[in-house]
Amino acid sequence: MELEIQKTLVVSTAHMTERDDVLLDEYIRNPPSTSLTVDKVDFGWKIHVETFTESPINIFKELGFSDGFVKCILLGFINDCEWVNFDCDGPIYYFLPRYEW
């Protein structure tokens, strides 16, 4: 039996803004031409970053996401993660922007 193990960066939703949350909801309801995998989960979001062939900074910046959100996605991407999981109980990192909701 082979185990399926996925590498995921877990970060607090404090590293995203309320606007980011709204943008993700809008993305799910009406996806733009970019093909991102975005899953709404209990108390947060999961973004699939393994499929990016180049830095995801421009993709998310063009869609209007905050610097904190983009930096979290980039951190997952450069660390070869499959997913970035924004969770309300996830860790808050001192080196990433933090937002009050």
PDB file of N, CA and C in Angstrom:
ATOM      1  N   MET A   1       0.840  -1.176   0.000  1.00  0.00           N
ATOM      2  CA  MET A   1       0.000   0.000   0.000  1.00  0.00           C
ATOM      3  C   MET A   1       0.887   1.242   0.000  1.00  0.00           C
ATOM      4  N   GLU A   2       0.579   2.180  -0.896  1.00  0.00           N
ATOM      5  CA  GLU A   2       1.314   3.439  -0.960  1.00  0.00           C
ATOM      6  C   GLU A   2       0.527   4.532  -0.270  1.00  0.00           C
ATOM      7  N   LEU A   3       1.205   5.319   0.524  1.00  0.00           N
ATOM      8  CA  LEU A   3       0.571   6.446   1.202  1.00  0.00           C
ATOM      9  C   LEU A   3       0.608   7.673   0.305  1.00  0.00           C
ATOM     10  N   GLU A   4      -0.449   8.432   0.324  1.00  0.00           N
ATOM     11  CA  GLU A   4      -0.459   9.704  -0.388  1.00  0.00           C
ATOM     12  C   GLU A   4      -0.191  10.800   0.631  1.00  0.00           C
ATOM     13  N   ILE A   5       0.894  11.506   0.432  1.00  0.00           N
ATOM     14  CA  ILE A   5       1.284  12.560   1.358  1.00  0.00           C
ATOM     15  C   ILE A   5       1.391  13.860   0.571  1.00  0.00           C
ATOM     16  N   GLN A   6       0.712  14.885   1.056  1.00  0.00           N
ATOM     17  CA  GLN A   6       0.727  16.180   0.383  1.00  0.00           C
ATOM     18  C   GLN A   6       1.445  17.196   1.259  1.00  0.00           C
ATOM     19  N   LYS A   7       2.340  17.952   0.653  1.00  0.00           N
ATOM     20  CA  LYS A   7       3.064  18.994   1.366  1.00  0.00           C
ATOM     21  C   LYS A   7       2.232  20.277   1.336  1.00  0.00           C
ATOM     22  N   THR A   8       1.878  20.771   2.521  1.00  0.00           N
ATOM     23  CA  THR A   8       1.000  21.937   2.641  1.00  0.00           C
ATOM     24  C   THR A   8       1.611  22.959   3.591  1.00  0.00           C
ATOM     25  N   LEU A   9       1.618  24.214   3.171  1.00  0.00           N
ATOM     26  CA  LEU A   9       1.981  25.310   4.057  1.00  0.00           C
ATOM     27  C   LEU A   9       0.701  25.773   4.737  1.00  0.00           C
ATOM     28  N   VAL A  10       0.696  25.790   6.056  1.00  0.00           N
ATOM     29  CA  VAL A  10      -0.466  26.239   6.819  1.00  0.00           C
ATOM     30  C   VAL A  10      -0.144  27.604   7.413  1.00  0.00           C
ATOM     31  N   VAL A  11      -1.021  28.575   7.135  1.00  0.00           N
ATOM     32  CA  VAL A  11      -0.857  29.931   7.647  1.00  0.00           C
ATOM     33  C   VAL A  11      -2.191  30.416   8.199  1.00  0.00           C
ATOM     34  N   SER A  12      -2.128  31.370   9.078  1.00  0.00           N
ATOM     35  CA  SER A  12      -3.336  31.959   9.644  1.00  0.00           C
ATOM     36  C   SER A  12      -4.060  32.823   8.618  1.00  0.00           C
ATOM     37  N   THR A  13      -5.372  32.884   8.732  1.00  0.00           N
ATOM     38  CA  THR A  13      -6.142  33.804   7.890  1.00  0.00           C
ATOM     39  C   THR A  13      -5.840  35.261   8.254  1.00  0.00           C
ATOM     40  N   ALA A  14      -5.098  35.483   9.336  1.00  0.00           N
ATOM     41  CA  ALA A  14      -4.663  36.837   9.690  1.00  0.00           C
ATOM     42  C   ALA A  14      -3.715  37.401   8.630  1.00  0.00           C
ATOM     43  N   HIS A  15      -3.160  36.533   7.786  1.00  0.00           N
ATOM     44  CA  HIS A  15      -2.250  36.972   6.725  1.00  0.00           C
ATOM     45  C   HIS A  15      -2.990  37.293   5.427  1.00  0.00           C
ATOM     46  N   MET A  16      -4.320  37.306   5.485  1.00  0.00           N
ATOM     47  CA  MET A  16      -5.114  37.723   4.333  1.00  0.00           C
ATOM     48  C   MET A  16      -6.128  38.751   4.808  1.00  0.00           C
ATOM     49  N   THR A  17      -6.640  39.533   3.884  1.00  0.00           N
ATOM     50  CA  THR A  17      -7.602  40.572   4.239  1.00  0.00           C
ATOM     51  C   THR A  17      -9.033  40.076   4.016  1.00  0.00           C
ATOM     52  N   GLU A  18      -9.977  40.836   4.527  1.00  0.00           N
ATOM     53  CA  GLU A  18     -11.384  40.527   4.247  1.00  0.00           C
ATOM     54  C   GLU A  18     -11.643  40.592   2.745  1.00  0.00           C
ATOM     55  N   ARG A  19     -10.993  41.532   2.090  1.00  0.00           N
ATOM     56  CA  ARG A  19     -11.144  41.642   0.627  1.00  0.00           C
ATOM     57  C   ARG A  19     -10.640  40.381  -0.066  1.00  0.00           C
ATOM     58  N   ASP A  20      -9.533  39.810   0.411  1.00  0.00           N
ATOM     59  CA  ASP A  20      -9.036  38.556  -0.154  1.00  0.00           C
ATOM     60  C   ASP A  20     -10.097  37.463  -0.040  1.00  0.00           C
ATOM     61  N   ASP A  21     -10.757  37.417   1.109  1.00  0.00           N
ATOM     62  CA  ASP A  21     -11.813  36.436   1.345  1.00  0.00           C
ATOM     63  C   ASP A  21     -12.949  36.618   0.330  1.00  0.00           C
ATOM     64  N   VAL A  22     -13.331  37.869   0.107  1.00  0.00           N
ATOM     65  CA  VAL A  22     -14.393  38.181  -0.863  1.00  0.00           C
ATOM     66  C   VAL A  22     -13.942  37.808  -2.281  1.00  0.00           C
ATOM     67  N   LEU A  23     -12.696  38.129  -2.625  1.00  0.00           N
ATOM     68  CA  LEU A  23     -12.176  37.800  -3.953  1.00  0.00           C
ATOM     69  C   LEU A  23     -12.173  36.295  -4.197  1.00  0.00           C
ATOM     70  N   LEU A  24     -11.828  35.522  -3.171  1.00  0.00           N
ATOM     71  CA  LEU A  24     -11.836  34.063  -3.315  1.00  0.00           C
ATOM     72  C   LEU A  24     -13.254  33.538  -3.506  1.00  0.00           C
ATOM     73  N   ASP A  25     -14.208  34.100  -2.753  1.00  0.00           N
ATOM     74  CA  ASP A  25     -15.619  33.724  -2.947  1.00  0.00           C
ATOM     75  C   ASP A  25     -16.065  34.026  -4.377  1.00  0.00           C
ATOM     76  N   GLU A  26     -15.700  35.225  -4.864  1.00  0.00           N
ATOM     77  CA  GLU A  26     -16.059  35.621  -6.229  1.00  0.00           C
ATOM     78  C   GLU A  26     -15.404  34.696  -7.252  1.00  0.00           C
ATOM     79  N   TYR A  27     -14.154  34.324  -6.983  1.00  0.00           N
ATOM     80  CA  TYR A  27     -13.429  33.436  -7.897  1.00  0.00           C
ATOM     81  C   TYR A  27     -14.152  32.095  -8.039  1.00  0.00           C
ATOM     82  N   ILE A  28     -14.622  31.561  -6.927  1.00  0.00           N
ATOM     83  CA  ILE A  28     -15.322  30.277  -6.970  1.00  0.00           C
ATOM     84  C   ILE A  28     -16.636  30.401  -7.746  1.00  0.00           C
ATOM     85  N   ARG A  29     -17.355  31.496  -7.523  1.00  0.00           N
ATOM     86  CA  ARG A  29     -18.643  31.693  -8.210  1.00  0.00           C
ATOM     87  C   ARG A  29     -18.492  31.990  -9.700  1.00  0.00           C
ATOM     88  N   ASN A  30     -17.445  32.728 -10.050  1.00  0.00           N
ATOM     89  CA  ASN A  30     -17.271  33.159 -11.430  1.00  0.00           C
ATOM     90  C   ASN A  30     -15.781  33.174 -11.781  1.00  0.00           C
ATOM     91  N   PRO A  31     -15.199  31.999 -12.051  1.00  0.00           N
ATOM     92  CA  PRO A  31     -13.747  31.940 -12.284  1.00  0.00           C
ATOM     93  C   PRO A  31     -13.310  32.745 -13.502  1.00  0.00           C
ATOM     94  N   PRO A  32     -12.226  33.551 -13.348  1.00  0.00           N
ATOM     95  CA  PRO A  32     -11.680  34.262 -14.510  1.00  0.00           C
ATOM     96  C   PRO A  32     -10.945  33.267 -15.417  1.00  0.00           C
ATOM     97  N   SER A  33     -10.261  33.769 -16.402  1.00  0.00           N
ATOM     98  CA  SER A  33      -9.595  32.900 -17.377  1.00  0.00           C
ATOM     99  C   SER A  33      -8.448  32.090 -16.774  1.00  0.00           C
ATOM    100  N   THR A  34      -7.865  32.546 -15.667  1.00  0.00           N
ATOM    101  CA  THR A  34      -6.789  31.775 -15.051  1.00  0.00           C
ATOM    102  C   THR A  34      -7.389  30.538 -14.396  1.00  0.00           C
ATOM    103  N   SER A  35      -6.670  29.449 -14.477  1.00  0.00           N
ATOM    104  CA  SER A  35      -7.199  28.206 -13.911  1.00  0.00           C
ATOM    105  C   SER A  35      -6.494  27.893 -12.598  1.00  0.00           C
ATOM    106  N   LEU A  36      -7.062  28.366 -11.523  1.00  0.00           N
ATOM    107  CA  LEU A  36      -6.544  28.104 -10.187  1.00  0.00           C
ATOM    108  C   LEU A  36      -7.475  27.126  -9.493  1.00  0.00           C
ATOM    109  N   THR A  37      -6.912  26.304  -8.632  1.00  0.00           N
ATOM    110  CA  THR A  37      -7.741  25.434  -7.820  1.00  0.00           C
ATOM    111  C   THR A  37      -7.851  26.069  -6.443  1.00  0.00           C
ATOM    112  N   VAL A  38      -9.055  26.481  -6.112  1.00  0.00           N
ATOM    113  CA  VAL A  38      -9.345  27.149  -4.849  1.00  0.00           C
ATOM    114  C   VAL A  38     -10.463  26.379  -4.169  1.00  0.00           C
ATOM    115  N   ASP A  39     -10.236  25.972  -2.920  1.00  0.00           N
ATOM    116  CA  ASP A  39     -11.247  25.241  -2.165  1.00  0.00           C
ATOM    117  C   ASP A  39     -11.579  25.986  -0.882  1.00  0.00           C
ATOM    118  N   LYS A  40     -12.858  26.218  -0.662  1.00  0.00           N
ATOM    119  CA  LYS A  40     -13.293  26.790   0.611  1.00  0.00           C
ATOM    120  C   LYS A  40     -13.405  25.628   1.593  1.00  0.00           C
ATOM    121  N   VAL A  41     -12.767  25.760   2.730  1.00  0.00           N
ATOM    122  CA  VAL A  41     -12.792  24.721   3.757  1.00  0.00           C
ATOM    123  C   VAL A  41     -13.315  25.341   5.045  1.00  0.00           C
ATOM    124  N   ASP A  42     -13.655  24.489   6.011  1.00  0.00           N
ATOM    125  CA  ASP A  42     -14.107  25.012   7.302  1.00  0.00           C
ATOM    126  C   ASP A  42     -13.076  25.995   7.837  1.00  0.00           C
ATOM    127  N   PHE A  43     -13.479  27.200   8.073  1.00  0.00           N
ATOM    128  CA  PHE A  43     -12.637  28.222   8.703  1.00  0.00           C
ATOM    129  C   PHE A  43     -11.449  28.677   7.863  1.00  0.00           C
ATOM    130  N   GLY A  44     -11.542  28.579   6.520  1.00  0.00           N
ATOM    131  CA  GLY A  44     -10.439  29.068   5.716  1.00  0.00           C
ATOM    132  C   GLY A  44     -10.504  28.670   4.257  1.00  0.00           C
ATOM    133  N   TRP A  45      -9.319  28.632   3.639  1.00  0.00           N
ATOM    134  CA  TRP A  45      -9.184  28.383   2.209  1.00  0.00           C
ATOM    135  C   TRP A  45      -7.971  27.519   1.929  1.00  0.00           C
ATOM    136  N   LYS A  46      -8.052  26.711   0.871  1.00  0.00           N
ATOM    137  CA  LYS A  46      -6.888  25.974   0.368  1.00  0.00           C
ATOM    138  C   LYS A  46      -6.674  26.380  -1.085  1.00  0.00           C
ATOM    139  N   ILE A  47      -5.438  26.747  -1.387  1.00  0.00           N
ATOM    140  CA  ILE A  47      -5.067  27.173  -2.733  1.00  0.00           C
ATOM    141  C   ILE A  47      -4.016  26.195  -3.250  1.00  0.00           C
ATOM    142  N   HIS A  48      -4.257  25.622  -4.424  1.00  0.00           N
ATOM    143  CA  HIS A  48      -3.314  24.670  -5.006  1.00  0.00           C
ATOM    144  C   HIS A  48      -2.205  25.433  -5.715  1.00  0.00           C
ATOM    145  N   VAL A  49      -0.971  25.258  -5.263  1.00  0.00           N
ATOM    146  CA  VAL A  49       0.144  26.010  -5.844  1.00  0.00           C
ATOM    147  C   VAL A  49       1.095  25.128  -6.641  1.00  0.00           C
ATOM    148  N   GLU A  50       0.927  23.821  -6.570  1.00  0.00           N
ATOM    149  CA  GLU A  50       1.851  22.909  -7.249  1.00  0.00           C
ATOM    150  C   GLU A  50       1.808  23.055  -8.770  1.00  0.00           C
ATOM    151  N   THR A  51       0.692  23.488  -9.307  1.00  0.00           N
ATOM    152  CA  THR A  51       0.543  23.557 -10.766  1.00  0.00           C
ATOM    153  C   THR A  51       1.165  24.792 -11.396  1.00  0.00           C
ATOM    154  N   PHE A  52       1.621  25.751 -10.593  1.00  0.00           N
ATOM    155  CA  PHE A  52       2.221  26.955 -11.169  1.00  0.00           C
ATOM    156  C   PHE A  52       3.565  26.611 -11.814  1.00  0.00           C
ATOM    157  N   THR A  53       3.762  27.081 -13.032  1.00  0.00           N
ATOM    158  CA  THR A  53       5.031  26.849 -13.716  1.00  0.00           C
ATOM    159  C   THR A  53       5.984  28.022 -13.512  1.00  0.00           C
ATOM    160  N   GLU A  54       5.449  29.137 -13.060  1.00  0.00           N
ATOM    161  CA  GLU A  54       6.271  30.305 -12.743  1.00  0.00           C
ATOM    162  C   GLU A  54       5.682  30.974 -11.510  1.00  0.00           C
ATOM    163  N   SER A  55       6.399  31.917 -10.977  1.00  0.00           N
ATOM    164  CA  SER A  55       5.962  32.593  -9.759  1.00  0.00           C
ATOM    165  C   SER A  55       4.503  33.063  -9.865  1.00  0.00           C
ATOM    166  N   PRO A  56       3.694  32.753  -8.846  1.00  0.00           N
ATOM    167  CA  PRO A  56       2.278  33.140  -8.875  1.00  0.00           C
ATOM    168  C   PRO A  56       2.015  34.598  -8.510  1.00  0.00           C
ATOM    169  N   ILE A  57       3.065  35.374  -8.296  1.00  0.00           N
ATOM    170  CA  ILE A  57       2.883  36.757  -7.851  1.00  0.00           C
ATOM    171  C   ILE A  57       1.996  37.545  -8.817  1.00  0.00           C
ATOM    172  N   ASN A  58       2.314  37.517 -10.095  1.00  0.00           N
ATOM    173  CA  ASN A  58       1.554  38.312 -11.070  1.00  0.00           C
ATOM    174  C   ASN A  58       0.102  37.878 -11.156  1.00  0.00           C
ATOM    175  N   ILE A  59      -0.146  36.575 -11.090  1.00  0.00           N
ATOM    176  CA  ILE A  59      -1.515  36.064 -11.172  1.00  0.00           C
ATOM    177  C   ILE A  59      -2.379  36.696 -10.087  1.00  0.00           C
ATOM    178  N   PHE A  60      -1.916  36.613  -8.851  1.00  0.00           N
ATOM    179  CA  PHE A  60      -2.718  37.094  -7.730  1.00  0.00           C
ATOM    180  C   PHE A  60      -2.723  38.611  -7.624  1.00  0.00           C
ATOM    181  N   LYS A  61      -1.639  39.252  -7.985  1.00  0.00           N
ATOM    182  CA  LYS A  61      -1.602  40.721  -7.983  1.00  0.00           C
ATOM    183  C   LYS A  61      -2.622  41.265  -8.985  1.00  0.00           C
ATOM    184  N   GLU A  62      -2.658  40.667 -10.179  1.00  0.00           N
ATOM    185  CA  GLU A  62      -3.602  41.120 -11.205  1.00  0.00           C
ATOM    186  C   GLU A  62      -5.050  40.916 -10.768  1.00  0.00           C
ATOM    187  N   LEU A  63      -5.292  39.923  -9.946  1.00  0.00           N
ATOM    188  CA  LEU A  63      -6.645  39.659  -9.452  1.00  0.00           C
ATOM    189  C   LEU A  63      -6.997  40.548  -8.251  1.00  0.00           C
ATOM    190  N   GLY A  64      -6.025  41.335  -7.748  1.00  0.00           N
ATOM    191  CA  GLY A  64      -6.295  42.303  -6.689  1.00  0.00           C
ATOM    192  C   GLY A  64      -6.077  41.820  -5.265  1.00  0.00           C
ATOM    193  N   PHE A  65      -5.345  40.720  -5.070  1.00  0.00           N
ATOM    194  CA  PHE A  65      -5.110  40.196  -3.726  1.00  0.00           C
ATOM    195  C   PHE A  65      -4.061  41.016  -2.979  1.00  0.00           C
ATOM    196  N   SER A  66      -4.128  40.972  -1.656  1.00  0.00           N
ATOM    197  CA  SER A  66      -3.231  41.749  -0.795  1.00  0.00           C
ATOM    198  C   SER A  66      -1.797  41.219  -0.855  1.00  0.00           C
ATOM    199  N   ASP A  67      -0.873  42.068  -0.415  1.00  0.00           N
ATOM    200  CA  ASP A  67       0.536  41.664  -0.356  1.00  0.00           C
ATOM    201  C   ASP A  67       0.726  40.468   0.575  1.00  0.00           C
ATOM    202  N   GLY A  68       0.032  40.450   1.705  1.00  0.00           N
ATOM    203  CA  GLY A  68       0.162  39.337   2.641  1.00  0.00           C
ATOM    204  C   GLY A  68      -0.266  38.026   2.013  1.00  0.00           C
ATOM    205  N   PHE A  69      -1.397  38.040   1.336  1.00  0.00           N
ATOM    206  CA  PHE A  69      -1.900  36.844   0.667  1.00  0.00           C
ATOM    207  C   PHE A  69      -0.900  36.357  -0.377  1.00  0.00           C
ATOM    208  N   VAL A  70      -0.438  37.279  -1.211  1.00  0.00           N
ATOM    209  CA  VAL A  70       0.499  36.937  -2.286  1.00  0.00           C
ATOM    210  C   VAL A  70       1.790  36.366  -1.707  1.00  0.00           C
ATOM    211  N   LYS A  71       2.294  36.954  -0.627  1.00  0.00           N
ATOM    212  CA  LYS A  71       3.530  36.456  -0.022  1.00  0.00           C
ATOM    213  C   LYS A  71       3.355  35.050   0.535  1.00  0.00           C
ATOM    214  N   CYS A  72       2.190  34.747   1.086  1.00  0.00           N
ATOM    215  CA  CYS A  72       1.925  33.390   1.579  1.00  0.00           C
ATOM    216  C   CYS A  72       1.918  32.389   0.430  1.00  0.00           C
ATOM    217  N   ILE A  73       1.263  32.750  -0.665  1.00  0.00           N
ATOM    218  CA  ILE A  73       1.223  31.876  -1.846  1.00  0.00           C
ATOM    219  C   ILE A  73       2.639  31.663  -2.382  1.00  0.00           C
ATOM    220  N   LEU A  74       3.405  32.743  -2.468  1.00  0.00           N
ATOM    221  CA  LEU A  74       4.780  32.647  -2.949  1.00  0.00           C
ATOM    222  C   LEU A  74       5.626  31.771  -2.025  1.00  0.00           C
ATOM    223  N   LEU A  75       5.447  31.909  -0.729  1.00  0.00           N
ATOM    224  CA  LEU A  75       6.190  31.100   0.240  1.00  0.00           C
ATOM    225  C   LEU A  75       5.898  29.606   0.040  1.00  0.00           C
ATOM    226  N   GLY A  76       4.639  29.276  -0.186  1.00  0.00           N
ATOM    227  CA  GLY A  76       4.301  27.879  -0.476  1.00  0.00           C
ATOM    228  C   GLY A  76       4.918  27.417  -1.786  1.00  0.00           C
ATOM    229  N   PHE A  77       4.859  28.256  -2.794  1.00  0.00           N
ATOM    230  CA  PHE A  77       5.397  27.920  -4.119  1.00  0.00           C
ATOM    231  C   PHE A  77       6.899  27.655  -4.064  1.00  0.00           C
ATOM    232  N   ILE A  78       7.655  28.558  -3.433  1.00  0.00           N
ATOM    233  CA  ILE A  78       9.120  28.390  -3.423  1.00  0.00           C
ATOM    234  C   ILE A  78       9.577  27.262  -2.502  1.00  0.00           C
ATOM    235  N   ASN A  79       8.696  26.801  -1.618  1.00  0.00           N
ATOM    236  CA  ASN A  79       9.027  25.671  -0.743  1.00  0.00           C
ATOM    237  C   ASN A  79       8.458  24.354  -1.265  1.00  0.00           C
ATOM    238  N   ASP A  80       8.087  24.340  -2.546  1.00  0.00           N
ATOM    239  CA  ASP A  80       7.600  23.134  -3.226  1.00  0.00           C
ATOM    240  C   ASP A  80       6.390  22.498  -2.552  1.00  0.00           C
ATOM    241  N   CYS A  81       5.507  23.332  -2.043  1.00  0.00           N
ATOM    242  CA  CYS A  81       4.267  22.826  -1.453  1.00  0.00           C
ATOM    243  C   CYS A  81       3.252  22.553  -2.555  1.00  0.00           C
ATOM    244  N   GLU A  82       2.334  21.642  -2.278  1.00  0.00           N
ATOM    245  CA  GLU A  82       1.219  21.411  -3.190  1.00  0.00           C
ATOM    246  C   GLU A  82       0.097  22.402  -2.898  1.00  0.00           C
ATOM    247  N   TRP A  83      -0.071  22.750  -1.643  1.00  0.00           N
ATOM    248  CA  TRP A  83      -1.182  23.601  -1.199  1.00  0.00           C
ATOM    249  C   TRP A  83      -0.695  24.660  -0.228  1.00  0.00           C
ATOM    250  N   VAL A  84      -1.421  25.769  -0.178  1.00  0.00           N
ATOM    251  CA  VAL A  84      -1.320  26.730   0.918  1.00  0.00           C
ATOM    252  C   VAL A  84      -2.694  26.727   1.567  1.00  0.00           C
ATOM    253  N   ASN A  85      -2.714  26.437   2.852  1.00  0.00           N
ATOM    254  CA  ASN A  85      -3.961  26.353   3.617  1.00  0.00           C
ATOM    255  C   ASN A  85      -4.052  27.550   4.555  1.00  0.00           C
ATOM    256  N   PHE A  86      -4.976  28.463   4.250  1.00  0.00           N
ATOM    257  CA  PHE A  86      -5.257  29.595   5.129  1.00  0.00           C
ATOM    258  C   PHE A  86      -6.300  29.117   6.138  1.00  0.00           C
ATOM    259  N   ASP A  87      -5.920  29.029   7.398  1.00  0.00           N
ATOM    260  CA  ASP A  87      -6.789  28.492   8.440  1.00  0.00           C
ATOM    261  C   ASP A  87      -6.867  29.491   9.590  1.00  0.00           C
ATOM    262  N   CYS A  88      -8.074  29.716  10.123  1.00  0.00           N
ATOM    263  CA  CYS A  88      -8.217  30.705  11.207  1.00  0.00           C
ATOM    264  C   CYS A  88      -7.394  30.313  12.439  1.00  0.00           C
ATOM    265  N   ASP A  89      -7.099  29.035  12.602  1.00  0.00           N
ATOM    266  CA  ASP A  89      -6.275  28.581  13.726  1.00  0.00           C
ATOM    267  C   ASP A  89      -4.834  28.303  13.314  1.00  0.00           C
ATOM    268  N   GLY A  90      -4.480  28.657  12.088  1.00  0.00           N
ATOM    269  CA  GLY A  90      -3.123  28.424  11.602  1.00  0.00           C
ATOM    270  C   GLY A  90      -2.126  29.369  12.260  1.00  0.00           C
ATOM    271  N   PRO A  91      -0.848  29.049  12.115  1.00  0.00           N
ATOM    272  CA  PRO A  91       0.188  29.875  12.735  1.00  0.00           C
ATOM    273  C   PRO A  91       0.308  31.254  12.092  1.00  0.00           C
ATOM    274  N   ILE A  92       0.618  32.227  12.942  1.00  0.00           N
ATOM    275  CA  ILE A  92       0.892  33.588  12.488  1.00  0.00           C
ATOM    276  C   ILE A  92       2.407  33.737  12.448  1.00  0.00           C
ATOM    277  N   TYR A  93       2.918  34.157  11.301  1.00  0.00           N
ATOM    278  CA  TYR A  93       4.356  34.296  11.120  1.00  0.00           C
ATOM    279  C   TYR A  93       4.747  35.769  11.191  1.00  0.00           C
ATOM    280  N   TYR A  94       5.743  36.073  12.009  1.00  0.00           N
ATOM    281  CA  TYR A  94       6.143  37.457  12.252  1.00  0.00           C
ATOM    282  C   TYR A  94       6.659  38.151  10.995  1.00  0.00           C
ATOM    283  N   PHE A  95       7.174  37.403  10.039  1.00  0.00           N
ATOM    284  CA  PHE A  95       7.784  37.996   8.844  1.00  0.00           C
ATOM    285  C   PHE A  95       6.781  38.228   7.702  1.00  0.00           C
ATOM    286  N   LEU A  96       5.514  37.919   7.937  1.00  0.00           N
ATOM    287  CA  LEU A  96       4.466  38.125   6.920  1.00  0.00           C
ATOM    288  C   LEU A  96       3.506  39.228   7.367  1.00  0.00           C
ATOM    289  N   PRO A  97       2.971  39.992   6.438  1.00  0.00           N
ATOM    290  CA  PRO A  97       1.983  41.016   6.806  1.00  0.00           C
ATOM    291  C   PRO A  97       0.792  40.369   7.533  1.00  0.00           C
ATOM    292  N   ARG A  98       0.254  41.140   8.473  1.00  0.00           N
ATOM    293  CA  ARG A  98      -0.875  40.657   9.280  1.00  0.00           C
ATOM    294  C   ARG A  98      -1.990  41.696   9.212  1.00  0.00           C
ATOM    295  N   TYR A  99      -3.220  41.220   9.109  1.00  0.00           N
ATOM    296  CA  TYR A  99      -4.369  42.116   8.952  1.00  0.00           C
ATOM    297  C   TYR A  99      -5.420  41.836  10.016  1.00  0.00           C
ATOM    298  N   GLU A 100      -6.105  42.888  10.427  1.00  0.00           N
ATOM    299  CA  GLU A 100      -7.242  42.761  11.360  1.00  0.00           C
ATOM    300  C   GLU A 100      -8.514  42.680  10.533  1.00  0.00           C
ATOM    301  N   TRP A 101      -9.418  41.827  10.929  1.00  0.00           N
ATOM    302  CA  TRP A 101     -10.694  41.676  10.221  1.00  0.00           C
ATOM    303  C   TRP A 101     -11.751  42.440  10.930  1.00  0.00           C
TER     304      TRP A 101
END
